[in-house]
Amino acid sequence: MEDIYGLTVSEAGGEVCLKVSKDKSKDAVELLKMLCTWKGQADKLSAEEISREDYDQWRYNYPKFDTTLHWTNILSQELSDALV
């Protein structure tokens, strides 16, 4: 997990925490984006900007109902050339 996702374990405030090093790999960057999106939705729930039902719907169906990130499928250049 450390090599692929840039995850390291540490302690903060007496609790064990995972940290993402976005400089580790593109997978680490993607993981960090997903975690930040999750935190954003959890913050909205805490601020009562969304209901618990909306939060549960979002998290149970992520990324299907996520409107904060734009998911795309990109063909590699080799595959794209092979299809032409």
C-alpha atoms as a PDB file:
ATOM      1  CA  MET A   1       0.000   0.000   0.000  1.00  0.00           C
ATOM      2  CA  GLU A   2       2.893   2.314   0.671  1.00  0.00           C
ATOM      3  CA  ASP A   3       4.548   1.705  -2.691  1.00  0.00           C
ATOM      4  CA  ILE A   4       1.397   1.745  -4.824  1.00  0.00           C
ATOM      5  CA  TYR A   5      -0.808   4.282  -3.055  1.00  0.00           C
ATOM      6  CA  GLY A   6       1.736   6.343  -1.143  1.00  0.00           C
ATOM      7  CA  LEU A   7       0.115   5.396   2.164  1.00  0.00           C
ATOM      8  CA  THR A   8       2.058   5.750   5.371  1.00  0.00           C
ATOM      9  CA  VAL A   9       0.842   5.104   8.884  1.00  0.00           C
ATOM     10  CA  SER A  10       1.303   7.642  11.667  1.00  0.00           C
ATOM     11  CA  GLU A  11      -0.334   8.889  14.835  1.00  0.00           C
ATOM     12  CA  ALA A  12      -2.221  12.117  15.428  1.00  0.00           C
ATOM     13  CA  GLY A  13      -4.083  13.057  18.566  1.00  0.00           C
ATOM     14  CA  GLY A  14      -3.611   9.584  20.012  1.00  0.00           C
ATOM     15  CA  GLU A  15      -5.220   7.916  16.976  1.00  0.00           C
ATOM     16  CA  VAL A  16      -3.647   5.888  14.197  1.00  0.00           C
ATOM     17  CA  CYS A  17      -3.935   7.678  10.854  1.00  0.00           C
ATOM     18  CA  LEU A  18      -3.124   6.963   7.236  1.00  0.00           C
ATOM     19  CA  LYS A  19      -1.461   9.633   5.133  1.00  0.00           C
ATOM     20  CA  VAL A  20      -1.324   9.754   1.342  1.00  0.00           C
ATOM     21  CA  SER A  21       1.818  11.010  -0.354  1.00  0.00           C
ATOM     22  CA  LYS A  22       0.542  12.392  -3.658  1.00  0.00           C
ATOM     23  CA  ASP A  23       4.089  12.502  -5.034  1.00  0.00           C
ATOM     24  CA  LYS A  24       4.391   8.702  -4.864  1.00  0.00           C
ATOM     25  CA  SER A  25       2.404   7.742  -7.974  1.00  0.00           C
ATOM     26  CA  LYS A  26      -0.620   8.559 -10.097  1.00  0.00           C
ATOM     27  CA  ASP A  27      -2.577   5.997  -8.050  1.00  0.00           C
ATOM     28  CA  ALA A  28      -1.716   7.981  -4.932  1.00  0.00           C
ATOM     29  CA  VAL A  29      -3.035  11.162  -6.555  1.00  0.00           C
ATOM     30  CA  GLU A  30      -6.303   9.419  -7.473  1.00  0.00           C
ATOM     31  CA  LEU A  31      -6.674   7.979  -3.966  1.00  0.00           C
ATOM     32  CA  LEU A  32      -6.104  11.417  -2.463  1.00  0.00           C
ATOM     33  CA  LYS A  33      -8.775  12.930  -4.732  1.00  0.00           C
ATOM     34  CA  MET A  34     -11.272  10.261  -3.657  1.00  0.00           C
ATOM     35  CA  LEU A  35     -10.499  10.767   0.035  1.00  0.00           C
ATOM     36  CA  CYS A  36     -10.839  14.547  -0.291  1.00  0.00           C
ATOM     37  CA  THR A  37     -14.196  14.057  -2.004  1.00  0.00           C
ATOM     38  CA  TRP A  38     -15.318  11.772   0.828  1.00  0.00           C
ATOM     39  CA  LYS A  39     -14.184  14.333   3.411  1.00  0.00           C
ATOM     40  CA  GLY A  40     -16.123  17.026   1.576  1.00  0.00           C
ATOM     41  CA  GLN A  41     -19.339  15.003   1.751  1.00  0.00           C
ATOM     42  CA  ALA A  42     -18.732  14.166   5.428  1.00  0.00           C
ATOM     43  CA  ASP A  43     -18.206  17.885   6.118  1.00  0.00           C
ATOM     44  CA  LYS A  44     -21.516  18.685   4.394  1.00  0.00           C
ATOM     45  CA  LEU A  45     -23.227  16.118   6.601  1.00  0.00           C
ATOM     46  CA  SER A  46     -21.654  17.613   9.741  1.00  0.00           C
ATOM     47  CA  ALA A  47     -22.736  21.105   8.677  1.00  0.00           C
ATOM     48  CA  GLU A  48     -26.248  19.759   7.993  1.00  0.00           C
ATOM     49  CA  GLU A  49     -26.010  20.844   4.352  1.00  0.00           C
ATOM     50  CA  ILE A  50     -27.097  17.334   3.337  1.00  0.00           C
ATOM     51  CA  SER A  51     -29.171  14.718   5.136  1.00  0.00           C
ATOM     52  CA  ARG A  52     -27.887  11.413   6.457  1.00  0.00           C
ATOM     53  CA  GLU A  53     -29.963   9.729   3.753  1.00  0.00           C
ATOM     54  CA  ASP A  54     -28.258  11.821   1.038  1.00  0.00           C
ATOM     55  CA  TYR A  55     -24.846  11.069   2.535  1.00  0.00           C
ATOM     56  CA  ASP A  56     -25.575   7.333   2.675  1.00  0.00           C
ATOM     57  CA  GLN A  57     -26.856   7.386  -0.910  1.00  0.00           C
ATOM     58  CA  TRP A  58     -23.661   9.140  -2.007  1.00  0.00           C
ATOM     59  CA  ARG A  59     -21.252   6.833  -0.168  1.00  0.00           C
ATOM     60  CA  TYR A  60     -23.036   3.584  -1.033  1.00  0.00           C
ATOM     61  CA  ASN A  61     -23.011   4.488  -4.715  1.00  0.00           C
ATOM     62  CA  TYR A  62     -19.668   6.281  -5.057  1.00  0.00           C
ATOM     63  CA  PRO A  63     -18.529   7.247  -7.660  1.00  0.00           C
ATOM     64  CA  LYS A  64     -21.805   6.730  -9.561  1.00  0.00           C
ATOM     65  CA  PHE A  65     -23.584   9.710  -7.978  1.00  0.00           C
ATOM     66  CA  ASP A  66     -20.532  11.825  -7.308  1.00  0.00           C
ATOM     67  CA  THR A  67     -20.765  15.243  -8.934  1.00  0.00           C
ATOM     68  CA  THR A  68     -17.467  16.609  -7.647  1.00  0.00           C
ATOM     69  CA  LEU A  69     -15.163  14.543  -9.854  1.00  0.00           C
ATOM     70  CA  HIS A  70     -15.375  13.907 -13.546  1.00  0.00           C
ATOM     71  CA  TRP A  71     -14.625  10.281 -14.419  1.00  0.00           C
ATOM     72  CA  THR A  72     -13.465   9.551 -17.949  1.00  0.00           C
ATOM     73  CA  ASN A  73     -12.161   6.570 -19.816  1.00  0.00           C
ATOM     74  CA  ILE A  74      -9.038   7.366 -21.792  1.00  0.00           C
ATOM     75  CA  LEU A  75      -7.685   4.941 -24.352  1.00  0.00           C
ATOM     76  CA  SER A  76      -3.939   4.458 -24.490  1.00  0.00           C
ATOM     77  CA  GLN A  77      -2.334   5.774 -27.663  1.00  0.00           C
ATOM     78  CA  GLU A  78      -1.428   2.200 -28.696  1.00  0.00           C
ATOM     79  CA  LEU A  79      -5.013   1.002 -28.343  1.00  0.00           C
ATOM     80  CA  SER A  80      -6.355   4.096 -30.039  1.00  0.00           C
ATOM     81  CA  ASP A  81      -3.972   3.546 -33.003  1.00  0.00           C
ATOM     82  CA  ALA A  82      -4.981  -0.129 -33.217  1.00  0.00           C
ATOM     83  CA  LEU A  83      -8.662   0.811 -33.498  1.00  0.00           C
ATOM     84  CA  VAL A  84      -8.062   3.168 -36.432  1.00  0.00           C
END
